[in-house]
C-alpha atoms as a PDB file:
ATOM      1  CA  MET A   1      -9.347  47.328 -21.339  1.00  0.00           C
ATOM      2  CA  GLU A   2      -8.402  50.978 -21.273  1.00  0.00           C
ATOM      3  CA  ARG A   3      -8.985  53.104 -24.301  1.00  0.00           C
ATOM      4  CA  GLY A   4      -6.101  53.187 -26.722  1.00  0.00           C
ATOM      5  CA  ARG A   5      -4.414  50.021 -25.398  1.00  0.00           C
ATOM      6  CA  ARG A   6      -4.200  46.975 -27.562  1.00  0.00           C
ATOM      7  CA  LEU A   7      -3.078  43.431 -26.888  1.00  0.00           C
ATOM      8  CA  ARG A   8       0.394  42.830 -28.231  1.00  0.00           C
ATOM      9  CA  ARG A   9       1.612  39.465 -29.341  1.00  0.00           C
ATOM     10  CA  SER A  10       4.893  38.459 -27.833  1.00  0.00           C
ATOM     11  CA  PRO A  11       7.633  37.640 -30.326  1.00  0.00           C
ATOM     12  CA  SER A  12       8.153  34.343 -28.555  1.00  0.00           C
ATOM     13  CA  GLY A  13       5.653  33.043 -26.022  1.00  0.00           C
ATOM     14  CA  LEU A  14       8.331  30.876 -24.407  1.00  0.00           C
ATOM     15  CA  ALA A  15      10.849  33.703 -24.142  1.00  0.00           C
ATOM     16  CA  ARG A  16       8.401  36.168 -22.659  1.00  0.00           C
ATOM     17  CA  ALA A  17       6.505  33.807 -20.360  1.00  0.00           C
ATOM     18  CA  ARG A  18       5.413  35.813 -17.329  1.00  0.00           C
ATOM     19  CA  GLY A  19       7.729  38.668 -18.200  1.00  0.00           C
ATOM     20  CA  MET A  20      10.912  36.578 -18.104  1.00  0.00           C
ATOM     21  CA  LYS A  21      13.617  37.221 -20.654  1.00  0.00           C
ATOM     22  CA  LEU A  22      15.395  34.226 -22.113  1.00  0.00           C
ATOM     23  CA  THR A  23      19.076  35.084 -22.053  1.00  0.00           C
ATOM     24  CA  ARG A  24      22.225  33.016 -22.342  1.00  0.00           C
ATOM     25  CA  ARG A  25      22.545  33.068 -18.580  1.00  0.00           C
ATOM     26  CA  THR A  26      18.994  31.725 -18.141  1.00  0.00           C
ATOM     27  CA  ALA A  27      19.542  29.022 -20.761  1.00  0.00           C
ATOM     28  CA  LEU A  28      22.841  27.972 -19.133  1.00  0.00           C
ATOM     29  CA  LEU A  29      21.250  27.900 -15.690  1.00  0.00           C
ATOM     30  CA  GLY A  30      18.385  25.779 -17.041  1.00  0.00           C
ATOM     31  CA  ALA A  31      20.857  23.358 -18.612  1.00  0.00           C
ATOM     32  CA  LEU A  32      22.736  23.051 -15.315  1.00  0.00           C
ATOM     33  CA  VAL A  33      19.590  22.531 -13.240  1.00  0.00           C
ATOM     34  CA  ALA A  34      17.961  19.979 -15.591  1.00  0.00           C
ATOM     35  CA  PRO A  35      19.977  16.933 -14.338  1.00  0.00           C
ATOM     36  CA  ALA A  36      19.094  17.761 -10.724  1.00  0.00           C
ATOM     37  CA  VAL A  37      15.414  17.952 -11.648  1.00  0.00           C
ATOM     38  CA  ALA A  38      15.682  14.613 -13.451  1.00  0.00           C
ATOM     39  CA  ARG A  39      17.352  13.046 -10.388  1.00  0.00           C
ATOM     40  CA  ALA A  40      14.603  14.426  -8.153  1.00  0.00           C
ATOM     41  CA  GLN A  41      11.994  12.824 -10.398  1.00  0.00           C
ATOM     42  CA  GLU A  42      13.887   9.510 -10.181  1.00  0.00           C
ATOM     43  CA  GLY A  43      13.717   9.863  -6.388  1.00  0.00           C
ATOM     44  CA  THR A  44       9.940  10.070  -6.562  1.00  0.00           C
ATOM     45  CA  THR A  45       9.890   6.972  -8.706  1.00  0.00           C
ATOM     46  CA  SER A  46      11.913   5.128  -6.099  1.00  0.00           C
ATOM     47  CA  LEU A  47       9.538   6.357  -3.385  1.00  0.00           C
ATOM     48  CA  ARG A  48       6.654   4.977  -5.403  1.00  0.00           C
ATOM     49  CA  GLU A  49       8.511   1.686  -5.755  1.00  0.00           C
ATOM     50  CA  LEU A  50       9.095   1.585  -1.985  1.00  0.00           C
ATOM     51  CA  ALA A  51       5.411   2.296  -1.360  1.00  0.00           C
ATOM     52  CA  ARG A  52       4.445  -0.477  -3.790  1.00  0.00           C
ATOM     53  CA  ARG A  53       6.767  -2.948  -2.062  1.00  0.00           C
ATOM     54  CA  ALA A  54       5.477  -1.961   1.376  1.00  0.00           C
ATOM     55  CA  THR A  55       1.921  -2.455   0.175  1.00  0.00           C
ATOM     56  CA  LEU A  56       2.719  -5.894  -1.223  1.00  0.00           C
ATOM     57  CA  CYS A  57       4.377  -6.935   2.040  1.00  0.00           C
ATOM     58  CA  LEU A  58       2.009  -5.377   4.570  1.00  0.00           C
ATOM     59  CA  VAL A  59      -1.465  -5.852   3.086  1.00  0.00           C
ATOM     60  CA  PRO A  60      -1.445  -9.634   3.769  1.00  0.00           C
ATOM     61  CA  VAL A  61      -0.393  -8.965   7.377  1.00  0.00           C
ATOM     62  CA  GLN A  62      -3.183  -6.413   7.801  1.00  0.00           C
ATOM     63  CA  GLU A  63      -5.734  -8.770   6.246  1.00  0.00           C
ATOM     64  CA  MET A  64      -4.640 -11.612   8.559  1.00  0.00           C
ATOM     65  CA  TYR A  65      -4.932  -9.297  11.570  1.00  0.00           C
ATOM     66  CA  ARG A  66      -8.422  -8.235  10.437  1.00  0.00           C
ATOM     67  CA  ALA A  67      -9.479 -11.877  10.042  1.00  0.00           C
ATOM     68  CA  ARG A  68      -8.064 -12.743  13.481  1.00  0.00           C
ATOM     69  CA  TRP A  69      -9.815  -9.790  15.106  1.00  0.00           C
ATOM     70  CA  ASN A  70     -13.127 -10.745  13.484  1.00  0.00           C
ATOM     71  CA  ALA A  71     -12.718 -14.364  14.612  1.00  0.00           C
ATOM     72  CA  THR A  72     -11.528 -13.739  18.182  1.00  0.00           C
ATOM     73  CA  ALA A  73     -12.344 -10.228  19.415  1.00  0.00           C
ATOM     74  CA  ASN A  74     -15.334  -8.975  17.446  1.00  0.00           C
ATOM     75  CA  GLU A  75     -18.314  -9.083  19.801  1.00  0.00           C
ATOM     76  CA  ALA A  76     -20.735  -9.011  16.870  1.00  0.00           C
ATOM     77  CA  ASN A  77     -19.507 -12.483  15.847  1.00  0.00           C
ATOM     78  CA  PRO A  78     -21.659 -15.119  17.623  1.00  0.00           C
ATOM     79  CA  PHE A  79     -19.109 -17.877  16.851  1.00  0.00           C
ATOM     80  CA  ARG A  80     -16.055 -16.228  18.410  1.00  0.00           C
ATOM     81  CA  TYR A  81     -12.995 -18.404  18.812  1.00  0.00           C
ATOM     82  CA  ARG A  82     -10.845 -18.610  21.905  1.00  0.00           C
ATOM     83  CA  LEU A  83      -7.099 -18.382  21.591  1.00  0.00           C
ATOM     84  CA  ASN A  84      -5.077 -21.606  21.725  1.00  0.00           C
ATOM     85  CA  ARG A  85      -8.134 -23.844  21.211  1.00  0.00           C
ATOM     86  CA  LEU A  86      -8.850 -26.037  18.205  1.00  0.00           C
ATOM     87  CA  GLN A  87     -12.480 -25.671  17.205  1.00  0.00           C
ATOM     88  CA  HIS A  88     -14.471 -27.584  14.649  1.00  0.00           C
ATOM     89  CA  ALA A  89     -17.254 -26.136  12.573  1.00  0.00           C
ATOM     90  CA  PRO A  90     -20.022 -28.004  10.800  1.00  0.00           C
ATOM     91  CA  ALA A  91     -19.415 -28.148   7.079  1.00  0.00           C
ATOM     92  CA  PRO A  92     -22.050 -28.260   4.366  1.00  0.00           C
ATOM     93  CA  ILE A  93     -20.287 -31.266   2.818  1.00  0.00           C
ATOM     94  CA  ASN A  94     -19.435 -34.221   5.067  1.00  0.00           C
ATOM     95  CA  ASP A  95     -16.163 -34.918   3.253  1.00  0.00           C
ATOM     96  CA  ILE A  96     -14.672 -31.579   4.303  1.00  0.00           C
ATOM     97  CA  LEU A  97     -12.986 -31.144   7.647  1.00  0.00           C
ATOM     98  CA  ARG A  98     -13.302 -27.561   8.852  1.00  0.00           C
ATOM     99  CA  SER A  99     -11.202 -26.728  11.857  1.00  0.00           C
ATOM    100  CA  SER A 100      -9.603 -23.507  12.955  1.00  0.00           C
ATOM    101  CA  ALA A 101      -7.162 -22.421  15.626  1.00  0.00           C
ATOM    102  CA  TRP A 102      -5.602 -19.069  16.441  1.00  0.00           C
ATOM    103  CA  LEU A 103      -2.368 -19.694  18.322  1.00  0.00           C
ATOM    104  CA  ASP A 104      -0.892 -17.044  20.622  1.00  0.00           C
ATOM    105  CA  LEU A 105       2.879 -17.482  20.554  1.00  0.00           C
ATOM    106  CA  SER A 106       3.743 -14.201  22.300  1.00  0.00           C
ATOM    107  CA  GLY A 107       4.130 -15.730  25.771  1.00  0.00           C
ATOM    108  CA  GLU A 108       5.771 -19.071  25.063  1.00  0.00           C
ATOM    109  CA  PRO A 109       6.078 -21.675  22.330  1.00  0.00           C
ATOM    110  CA  LEU A 110       3.205 -24.110  21.900  1.00  0.00           C
ATOM    111  CA  PHE A 111       3.273 -27.783  21.034  1.00  0.00           C
ATOM    112  CA  LEU A 112       0.366 -28.699  18.806  1.00  0.00           C
ATOM    113  CA  THR A 113      -0.740 -32.327  18.794  1.00  0.00           C
ATOM    114  CA  LEU A 114      -3.507 -33.542  16.537  1.00  0.00           C
ATOM    115  CA  PRO A 115      -5.453 -36.780  16.863  1.00  0.00           C
ATOM    116  CA  PRO A 116      -4.997 -39.391  14.144  1.00  0.00           C
ATOM    117  CA  ILE A 117      -6.957 -38.587  11.012  1.00  0.00           C
ATOM    118  CA  SER A 118      -8.594 -41.277   8.930  1.00  0.00           C
ATOM    119  CA  GLU A 119      -7.449 -42.045   5.404  1.00  0.00           C
ATOM    120  CA  LEU A 120     -10.289 -39.965   3.985  1.00  0.00           C
ATOM    121  CA  PHE A 121      -8.443 -36.759   4.770  1.00  0.00           C
END
C-alpha cells in the first residue's frame, strides 16, 4: 500500500459492491429482472427433470443392449449365443431350467414354439 493511503470502509458493502452505486433506477431494474431470473431457474429445473426422465427410460435399454452384446458379439465370451437359437445352459440346481434366446426381429416376425414342459416347471 502506498504511503498515506488507508483502507476506507464502505458505508454499505452491498451498495458499493465493485464500485456500483445503488440508485432507484438500479433497484427498479433489479425488481423488473428478478421474475425473469426466477423463470430461467425454473427452466433449469425442468431440464433436470427431463434429464432424470431420460435416464430412467434409457438406462434399462442401454443395459439390455450391453447384456446382448456380451452374450452374442463379445469375442472374449467363450459361451457366445447365436441369434434366433434357443440354448440351454447347465444349472447348478437340477430343478432350475436355464435357457436363453436372443431374437432378431428386425428382418421379419418370428414364431417361437416351445416343446411341452413337464409339471415340474
